[in-house]
């Protein structure tokens, strides 16, 4: 046995140094392991045969949004004003948008003739539309507030004119017949404006009042009924719908010279999935269109009024949409400036909701081939055909409902 000898000062120092070195190595190892774990967790690794390539994150060098410059077209500038006023992140308007016209939107707008350079050369009805483009409030002359009692499954809303007594009566006797059809409740309203002395038309208001009392299906507003005011008719109807018929399940909006196979429409709606009802809107869709610049055409709109392309829209002869969407369309319409072509305007309102109409082959707003126009079975497969006379409507309807007609 060796006696316990005291360590020399040199040995103690050596042992302390060795321990310090070991501790340092341990700390370095721990740090290295921690770094390795972080790398493994945070960085993607590819253990396959191909090497991973890290994509470089691109940072925009310009602003993602900027204030648009003033448009040279009157409608576009008015729309810019609405867009600014409904934008929650903007607190003030640019100076060029402060020129908003008269305080009363139903007063003639004096800015129109000054800001639209070719205003004097436009048709009189077009000028009339532009002067009152901001007005959306007109009194009702004839109302039918109880037409939707019972919450109809389908509401037929037909655009008509005061003198078209024969068309309205043909519709009542055929595809617009109210009541229960195919076990579903159907209601019909006719949408009318008014005439002014400048139209040089006979005063038929007395006859219209008798018709309204007899059938209870007329809605009339006190504004000048013209082609360019069909958009106004659209907006006024949507407002009326929200107040008097909000529970109607579906709406079919059409002209008074179309034929509608109501039975086929109801059959389609019966098979519609519930998930599709909210955004349901079908018709004869027109895409990638723009304004006509030829002054000889009915749909002429000059660049001084509108610049740009049209969103997808369904031909105004007729289209079918859900009642739920009708309520949202009215809210959207308050954020879209009235446009002189009603079906384009409806497409604009749909676009404001982030939607587009769906094409359906059963809607033929540009008619069908002449060789099929007198084929009974063809009409059984279609939903809407434009255009047909009152006599043709009655003839086609007799084909549709005839129990002995057998179609392949």
Protein backbone atom coordinates (compact mmCIF):
# COMPACT_ATOMS: atom_id res chain seq x y z
CA UNK A 1 0.00 0.00 0.00
CA UNK A 2 1.17 3.43 -0.93
CA UNK A 3 0.62 6.13 1.59
CA UNK A 4 -1.78 9.02 0.61
CA UNK A 5 0.62 11.61 -0.50
CA UNK A 6 -0.52 15.20 -1.05
CA UNK A 7 -0.73 16.29 -4.69
CA UNK A 8 1.69 18.82 -5.81
CA UNK A 9 0.43 22.24 -6.93
CA UNK A 10 1.38 21.35 -10.48
CA UNK A 11 -0.80 18.20 -10.51
CA UNK A 12 -3.84 20.08 -9.18
CA UNK A 13 -3.51 22.73 -11.85
CA UNK A 14 -3.20 20.06 -14.54
CA UNK A 15 -6.38 18.33 -13.35
CA UNK A 16 -8.33 21.60 -13.26
CA UNK A 17 -7.15 22.46 -16.75
CA UNK A 18 -8.16 19.06 -18.06
CA UNK A 19 -11.65 19.44 -16.56
CA UNK A 20 -12.09 22.92 -18.02
CA UNK A 21 -11.12 21.67 -21.46
CA UNK A 22 -13.61 18.82 -21.14
CA UNK A 23 -16.40 21.20 -20.11
CA UNK A 24 -15.67 23.50 -23.02
CA UNK A 25 -15.74 20.58 -25.44
CA UNK A 26 -19.05 19.46 -23.95
CA UNK A 27 -20.57 22.94 -24.34
CA UNK A 28 -19.33 23.17 -27.94
CA UNK A 29 -20.81 19.75 -28.67
CA UNK A 30 -24.17 20.74 -27.16
CA UNK A 31 -24.30 23.93 -29.18
CA UNK A 32 -23.42 22.03 -32.34
CA UNK A 33 -26.14 19.47 -31.67
CA UNK A 34 -28.68 22.25 -31.04
CA UNK A 35 -27.76 23.95 -34.30
CA UNK A 36 -28.05 20.65 -36.17
CA UNK A 37 -31.52 20.01 -34.74
CA UNK A 38 -32.66 23.49 -35.81
CA UNK A 39 -31.32 22.94 -39.28
CA UNK A 40 -33.09 19.59 -39.57
CA UNK A 41 -36.39 21.04 -38.36
CA UNK A 42 -36.44 24.31 -40.26
CA UNK A 43 -34.86 23.36 -43.56
CA UNK A 44 -36.50 21.04 -46.15
CA UNK A 45 -34.35 18.05 -47.08
CA UNK A 46 -34.61 15.82 -50.07
CA UNK A 47 -33.15 12.38 -49.49
CA UNK A 48 -33.96 11.17 -53.00
CA UNK A 49 -31.55 11.01 -55.87
CA UNK A 50 -32.31 14.58 -56.97
CA UNK A 51 -31.05 17.55 -55.03
CA UNK A 52 -33.60 19.96 -53.63
CA UNK A 53 -33.67 23.48 -55.02
CA UNK A 54 -34.63 26.27 -52.66
CA UNK A 55 -36.83 28.83 -54.39
CA UNK A 56 -35.94 32.41 -53.88
CA UNK A 57 -38.68 34.46 -52.25
CA UNK A 58 -39.58 37.32 -54.57
CA UNK A 59 -40.39 40.58 -52.84
CA UNK A 60 -42.47 43.06 -54.90
CA UNK A 61 -40.57 46.22 -55.73
CA UNK A 62 -43.73 48.25 -56.39
CA UNK A 63 -46.94 48.90 -54.46
CA UNK A 64 -49.52 46.11 -54.71
CA UNK A 65 -52.32 48.71 -55.02
CA UNK A 66 -52.37 52.28 -56.22
CA UNK A 67 -54.98 54.96 -56.73
CA UNK A 68 -56.23 54.73 -60.33
CA UNK A 69 -55.98 57.71 -62.60
CA UNK A 70 -59.10 59.51 -63.69
CA UNK A 71 -60.87 57.80 -66.58
CA UNK A 72 -61.73 59.76 -69.68
CA UNK A 73 -65.08 57.96 -70.05
CA UNK A 74 -68.04 59.30 -68.09
CA UNK A 75 -69.45 55.96 -66.85
CA UNK A 76 -66.03 54.67 -65.79
CA UNK A 77 -65.36 57.85 -63.81
CA UNK A 78 -68.73 57.55 -62.06
CA UNK A 79 -67.92 53.94 -61.22
CA UNK A 80 -64.55 54.97 -59.81
CA UNK A 81 -66.40 57.36 -57.50
CA UNK A 82 -68.66 54.53 -56.23
CA UNK A 83 -65.67 52.24 -55.77
CA UNK A 84 -63.89 54.87 -53.67
CA UNK A 85 -66.92 55.64 -51.51
CA UNK A 86 -67.44 51.93 -50.76
CA UNK A 87 -63.76 51.25 -50.05
CA UNK A 88 -63.33 50.91 -46.25
CA UNK A 89 -59.57 51.65 -46.29
CA UNK A 90 -59.85 55.05 -47.96
CA UNK A 91 -60.61 58.10 -45.85
CA UNK A 92 -60.63 60.80 -48.53
CA UNK A 93 -61.35 61.14 -52.22
CA UNK A 94 -58.85 62.43 -54.75
CA UNK A 95 -59.66 65.93 -56.00
CA UNK A 96 -60.80 64.75 -59.40
CA UNK A 97 -63.58 62.67 -57.79
CA UNK A 98 -65.10 65.52 -55.79
CA UNK A 99 -67.15 66.66 -58.79
CA UNK A 100 -70.18 64.51 -58.01
CA UNK A 101 -73.00 66.47 -59.65
CA UNK A 102 -76.20 67.86 -58.06
CA UNK A 103 -77.06 66.99 -54.47
CA UNK A 104 -80.42 65.59 -55.58
CA UNK A 105 -79.53 62.56 -57.75
CA UNK A 106 -82.90 62.79 -59.53
CA UNK A 107 -82.21 66.31 -60.83
CA UNK A 108 -80.82 66.45 -64.40
CA UNK A 109 -77.02 66.20 -64.18
CA UNK A 110 -75.46 69.30 -65.81
CA UNK A 111 -72.03 67.66 -65.97
CA UNK A 112 -73.16 65.24 -68.67
CA UNK A 113 -73.21 67.59 -71.65
CA UNK A 114 -69.92 69.16 -70.56
CA UNK A 115 -67.98 65.95 -69.91
CA UNK A 116 -69.29 63.81 -72.80
CA UNK A 117 -67.85 65.41 -75.89
CA UNK A 118 -70.28 63.83 -78.38
CA UNK A 119 -73.34 64.18 -76.14
CA UNK A 120 -75.29 66.32 -78.65
CA UNK A 121 -74.98 63.63 -81.33
CA UNK A 122 -76.42 60.83 -79.17
CA UNK A 123 -80.04 59.60 -79.57
CA UNK A 124 -82.57 61.50 -77.48
CA UNK A 125 -83.39 58.49 -75.29
CA UNK A 126 -79.67 57.97 -74.64
CA UNK A 127 -79.29 61.60 -73.61
CA UNK A 128 -82.30 61.22 -71.32
CA UNK A 129 -80.70 58.17 -69.68
CA UNK A 130 -77.40 59.98 -69.08
CA UNK A 131 -79.07 63.05 -67.59
CA UNK A 132 -80.88 60.90 -65.00
CA UNK A 133 -78.39 58.06 -64.67
CA UNK A 134 -77.92 58.65 -60.93
CA UNK A 135 -81.64 58.53 -60.05
CA UNK A 136 -82.97 55.23 -58.68
CA UNK A 137 -86.08 56.39 -56.83
CA UNK A 138 -89.40 56.59 -58.70
CA UNK A 139 -92.93 56.35 -57.30
CA UNK A 140 -95.05 53.30 -58.03
CA UNK A 141 -98.25 53.92 -59.98
CA UNK A 142 -99.51 50.33 -59.72
CA UNK A 143 -98.39 47.86 -57.05
CA UNK A 144 -99.32 44.28 -56.21
CA UNK A 145 -97.95 43.77 -52.72
CA UNK A 146 -99.83 40.50 -52.20
CA UNK A 147 -98.83 38.75 -55.42
CA UNK A 148 -96.31 36.64 -53.50
CA UNK A 149 -98.59 35.58 -50.67
CA UNK A 150 -97.89 31.90 -50.13
CA UNK A 151 -94.20 32.20 -51.07
CA UNK A 152 -94.18 31.00 -54.70
CA UNK A 153 -91.61 28.46 -55.76
CA UNK A 154 -91.10 30.30 -59.08
CA UNK A 155 -91.75 33.97 -59.82
CA UNK A 156 -92.02 34.91 -63.51
CA UNK A 157 -91.03 38.59 -63.91
CA UNK A 158 -91.84 39.79 -67.42
CA UNK A 159 -90.60 43.06 -68.91
CA UNK A 160 -93.41 44.67 -70.88
CA UNK A 161 -94.63 47.98 -72.32
CA UNK A 162 -98.01 49.62 -71.78
CA UNK A 163 -99.43 48.98 -75.30
CA UNK A 164 -98.53 45.23 -75.25
CA UNK A 165 -101.93 44.05 -73.98
CA UNK A 166 -102.03 41.13 -76.43
CA UNK A 167 -98.63 39.78 -75.37
CA UNK A 168 -99.49 39.88 -71.68
CA UNK A 169 -102.79 38.11 -72.25
CA UNK A 170 -101.14 35.39 -74.33
CA UNK A 171 -98.62 34.81 -71.54
CA UNK A 172 -101.39 34.57 -68.92
CA UNK A 173 -103.10 31.90 -71.00
CA UNK A 174 -99.93 29.88 -71.63
CA UNK A 175 -96.54 29.73 -69.92
CA UNK A 176 -97.29 32.49 -67.40
CA UNK A 177 -100.40 30.88 -65.97
CA UNK A 178 -100.42 31.37 -62.20
CA UNK A 179 -101.29 28.82 -59.56
CA UNK A 180 -100.04 25.27 -59.08
CA UNK A 181 -98.10 23.74 -61.93
CA UNK A 182 -96.30 20.39 -61.63
CA UNK A 183 -97.05 20.53 -57.87
CA UNK A 184 -95.24 23.85 -57.52
CA UNK A 185 -96.66 27.36 -56.98
CA UNK A 186 -96.00 29.80 -59.81
CA UNK A 187 -96.64 33.58 -59.70
CA UNK A 188 -96.33 36.15 -62.52
CA UNK A 189 -95.76 39.90 -62.59
CA UNK A 190 -95.40 42.27 -65.55
CA UNK A 191 -92.92 45.15 -65.18
CA UNK A 192 -93.88 48.50 -66.70
CA UNK A 193 -92.70 52.08 -66.83
CA UNK A 194 -94.64 55.10 -68.04
CA UNK A 195 -94.88 57.31 -71.12
CA UNK A 196 -94.29 61.04 -71.45
CA UNK A 197 -95.87 63.56 -73.83
CA UNK A 198 -92.70 63.57 -75.95
CA UNK A 199 -93.33 59.92 -76.86
CA UNK A 200 -96.52 60.95 -78.77
CA UNK A 201 -98.30 57.79 -77.65
CA UNK A 202 -102.01 57.50 -76.78
CA UNK A 203 -102.99 57.71 -73.13
CA UNK A 204 -103.66 54.10 -72.14
CA UNK A 205 -103.35 54.51 -68.38
CA UNK A 206 -107.08 54.02 -67.85
CA UNK A 207 -107.06 50.72 -69.73
CA UNK A 208 -103.95 49.69 -67.81
CA UNK A 209 -105.67 50.37 -64.51
CA UNK A 210 -108.59 48.16 -65.55
CA UNK A 211 -106.15 45.39 -66.56
CA UNK A 212 -104.37 45.64 -63.21
CA UNK A 213 -107.66 45.41 -61.32
CA UNK A 214 -108.79 42.45 -63.41
CA UNK A 215 -105.61 40.34 -63.22
CA UNK A 216 -103.65 41.73 -60.25
CA UNK A 217 -100.25 41.15 -61.87
CA UNK A 218 -98.99 44.57 -63.03
CA UNK A 219 -96.15 46.56 -61.47
CA UNK A 220 -95.73 50.08 -62.85
CA UNK A 221 -93.29 52.87 -61.94
CA UNK A 222 -93.45 56.50 -62.98
CA UNK A 223 -90.39 56.78 -65.21
CA UNK A 224 -90.00 57.01 -68.98
CA UNK A 225 -90.10 53.48 -70.36
CA UNK A 226 -87.44 53.14 -73.06
CA UNK A 227 -84.76 50.70 -74.18
CA UNK A 228 -82.05 52.59 -72.28
CA UNK A 229 -84.14 52.55 -69.09
CA UNK A 230 -84.48 48.75 -68.98
CA UNK A 231 -81.63 48.79 -66.47
CA UNK A 232 -83.71 51.03 -64.24
CA UNK A 233 -86.58 48.54 -64.56
CA UNK A 234 -84.18 45.80 -63.42
CA UNK A 235 -83.09 47.71 -60.30
CA UNK A 236 -86.61 48.77 -59.34
CA UNK A 237 -87.82 45.19 -59.66
CA UNK A 238 -85.00 43.85 -57.46
CA UNK A 239 -85.90 46.41 -54.81
CA UNK A 240 -89.59 45.48 -55.02
CA UNK A 241 -88.67 41.79 -54.82
CA UNK A 242 -86.71 42.33 -51.61
CA UNK A 243 -89.64 44.14 -50.02
CA UNK A 244 -92.57 42.04 -51.26
CA UNK A 245 -91.35 38.63 -52.41
CA UNK A 246 -88.11 37.75 -50.57
CA UNK A 247 -89.17 34.15 -49.92
CA UNK A 248 -89.71 33.21 -53.58
CA UNK A 249 -87.39 30.31 -54.29
CA UNK A 250 -86.50 31.19 -57.91
CA UNK A 251 -86.99 34.01 -60.41
CA UNK A 252 -87.25 33.79 -64.18
CA UNK A 253 -86.83 37.22 -65.74
CA UNK A 254 -87.75 37.61 -69.41
CA UNK A 255 -89.22 39.76 -72.18
CA UNK A 256 -92.87 39.65 -73.18
CA UNK A 257 -92.00 38.22 -76.61
CA UNK A 258 -90.27 35.04 -75.44
CA UNK A 259 -91.73 31.58 -75.08
CA UNK A 260 -90.90 29.78 -71.84
CA UNK A 261 -91.43 26.08 -71.23
CA UNK A 262 -92.42 26.47 -67.59
CA UNK A 263 -92.78 22.71 -67.13
CA UNK A 264 -89.20 22.14 -68.26
CA UNK A 265 -87.97 24.93 -65.98
CA UNK A 266 -89.70 23.43 -62.95
CA UNK A 267 -88.29 20.02 -63.80
CA UNK A 268 -84.76 21.45 -63.83
CA UNK A 269 -85.26 23.25 -60.52
CA UNK A 270 -86.64 20.12 -58.84
CA UNK A 271 -83.39 18.30 -59.55
CA UNK A 272 -81.11 21.16 -58.48
CA UNK A 273 -78.75 20.31 -55.63
CA UNK A 274 -79.25 22.45 -52.53
CA UNK A 275 -75.57 23.40 -52.55
CA UNK A 276 -76.03 25.13 -55.93
CA UNK A 277 -79.05 27.26 -55.05
CA UNK A 278 -77.22 30.18 -53.41
CA UNK A 279 -75.26 31.25 -56.52
CA UNK A 280 -77.59 29.80 -59.15
CA UNK A 281 -77.84 31.91 -62.34
CA UNK A 282 -78.23 30.39 -65.81
CA UNK A 283 -79.03 31.66 -69.30
CA UNK A 284 -77.66 32.17 -72.79
CA UNK A 285 -74.24 33.53 -71.78
CA UNK A 286 -72.21 35.99 -73.85
CA UNK A 287 -68.50 36.19 -73.04
CA UNK A 288 -65.56 38.32 -74.18
CA UNK A 289 -67.86 41.03 -75.54
CA UNK A 290 -67.48 44.79 -75.55
CA UNK A 291 -69.50 47.87 -76.47
CA UNK A 292 -70.57 48.42 -80.07
CA UNK A 293 -69.11 51.59 -81.55
CA UNK A 294 -71.27 51.63 -84.68
CA UNK A 295 -73.86 54.39 -84.28
CA UNK A 296 -76.33 52.52 -86.47
CA UNK A 297 -76.62 49.64 -84.01
CA UNK A 298 -79.20 49.44 -81.23
CA UNK A 299 -76.52 48.66 -78.64
CA UNK A 300 -74.22 51.54 -79.59
CA UNK A 301 -72.23 53.02 -76.69
CA UNK A 302 -69.51 55.61 -77.46
CA UNK A 303 -66.08 55.52 -75.84
CA UNK A 304 -66.84 58.89 -74.28
CA UNK A 305 -69.42 57.05 -72.13
CA UNK A 306 -67.76 53.67 -71.51
CA UNK A 307 -64.29 52.19 -72.03
CA UNK A 308 -63.30 48.56 -71.48
CA UNK A 309 -64.75 45.09 -71.92
CA UNK A 310 -67.96 43.58 -70.61
CA UNK A 311 -68.01 40.81 -67.99
CA UNK A 312 -69.80 37.57 -68.96
CA UNK A 313 -73.55 38.20 -69.04
CA UNK A 314 -76.73 36.33 -69.96
CA UNK A 315 -78.82 37.58 -72.87
CA UNK A 316 -81.61 39.84 -71.61
CA UNK A 317 -84.33 37.86 -73.41
CA UNK A 318 -84.48 35.70 -70.32
CA UNK A 319 -82.48 34.12 -67.51
CA UNK A 320 -83.16 32.09 -64.39
CA UNK A 321 -81.71 32.67 -60.92
CA UNK A 322 -82.39 31.93 -57.27
CA UNK A 323 -84.38 34.22 -55.02
CA UNK A 324 -81.48 34.27 -52.59
CA UNK A 325 -79.19 35.59 -55.30
CA UNK A 326 -81.81 38.19 -56.28
CA UNK A 327 -81.52 39.75 -52.82
CA UNK A 328 -77.73 39.93 -53.11
CA UNK A 329 -77.94 41.33 -56.64
CA UNK A 330 -79.91 44.30 -55.36
CA UNK A 331 -77.26 45.05 -52.75
CA UNK A 332 -74.57 44.76 -55.42
CA UNK A 333 -76.51 47.06 -57.77
CA UNK A 334 -76.11 49.92 -55.31
CA UNK A 335 -72.36 49.70 -55.93
CA UNK A 336 -72.61 49.63 -59.72
CA UNK A 337 -73.47 52.72 -61.79
CA UNK A 338 -76.52 52.25 -64.01
CA UNK A 339 -75.54 51.21 -67.52
CA UNK A 340 -77.76 51.70 -70.61
CA UNK A 341 -77.85 47.97 -71.51
CA UNK A 342 -79.70 45.94 -68.87
CA UNK A 343 -78.27 42.46 -69.42
CA UNK A 344 -74.71 43.81 -69.41
CA UNK A 345 -75.53 45.65 -66.19
CA UNK A 346 -76.76 42.45 -64.54
CA UNK A 347 -73.46 40.83 -65.55
CA UNK A 348 -71.62 43.73 -63.88
CA UNK A 349 -73.57 43.19 -60.66
CA UNK A 350 -72.78 39.47 -60.73
CA UNK A 351 -69.09 40.30 -61.24
CA UNK A 352 -69.25 42.61 -58.23
CA UNK A 353 -70.34 39.54 -56.22
CA UNK A 354 -67.48 37.51 -57.68
CA UNK A 355 -69.88 35.44 -59.80
CA UNK A 356 -70.61 34.79 -63.47
CA UNK A 357 -73.71 33.38 -65.18
CA UNK A 358 -73.67 29.75 -66.25
CA UNK A 359 -74.35 28.79 -69.84
CA UNK A 360 -77.37 26.53 -70.40
CA UNK A 361 -78.25 25.14 -73.83
CA UNK A 362 -81.97 25.31 -73.05
CA UNK A 363 -81.95 29.12 -73.34
CA UNK A 364 -82.09 30.33 -76.94
CA UNK A 365 -82.27 34.11 -76.88
CA UNK A 366 -81.09 34.23 -80.50
CA UNK A 367 -83.81 31.87 -81.73
CA UNK A 368 -83.35 28.35 -83.11
CA UNK A 369 -82.69 27.02 -86.60
CA UNK A 370 -85.60 27.70 -88.91
CA UNK A 371 -86.11 24.01 -89.75
CA UNK A 372 -86.88 23.32 -86.05
CA UNK A 373 -89.19 26.26 -85.35
CA UNK A 374 -92.37 24.24 -85.91
CA UNK A 375 -91.22 21.00 -84.32
CA UNK A 376 -93.28 20.27 -81.15
CA UNK A 377 -90.67 17.97 -79.63
CA UNK A 378 -87.92 20.59 -79.91
CA UNK A 379 -89.85 22.95 -77.65
CA UNK A 380 -90.32 20.23 -75.06
CA UNK A 381 -86.56 20.04 -74.58
CA UNK A 382 -85.96 23.82 -74.41
CA UNK A 383 -86.64 26.33 -71.63
CA UNK A 384 -86.75 29.68 -73.42
CA UNK A 385 -86.90 30.79 -77.06
CA UNK A 386 -86.81 34.35 -78.35
CA UNK A 387 -88.82 35.71 -80.04
CA UNK A 388 -92.43 34.52 -80.54
CA UNK A 389 -95.71 36.29 -81.32
CA UNK A 390 -98.78 35.87 -79.08
CA UNK A 391 -100.31 33.49 -81.65
CA UNK A 392 -97.13 31.39 -81.77
CA UNK A 393 -97.01 31.24 -77.95
CA UNK A 394 -100.49 29.72 -77.84
CA UNK A 395 -99.68 27.23 -80.57
CA UNK A 396 -96.42 26.08 -78.97
CA UNK A 397 -98.02 25.80 -75.52
CA UNK A 398 -100.69 23.47 -76.92
CA UNK A 399 -97.85 21.24 -78.15
CA UNK A 400 -96.14 21.27 -74.78
CA UNK A 401 -99.16 20.23 -72.74
CA UNK A 402 -100.69 17.83 -75.28
CA UNK A 403 -100.89 14.42 -73.54
CA UNK A 404 -100.67 12.40 -76.79
CA UNK A 405 -97.43 13.98 -78.02
CA UNK A 406 -94.67 11.35 -77.93
CA UNK A 407 -91.11 12.56 -78.34
CA UNK A 408 -88.01 10.34 -78.81
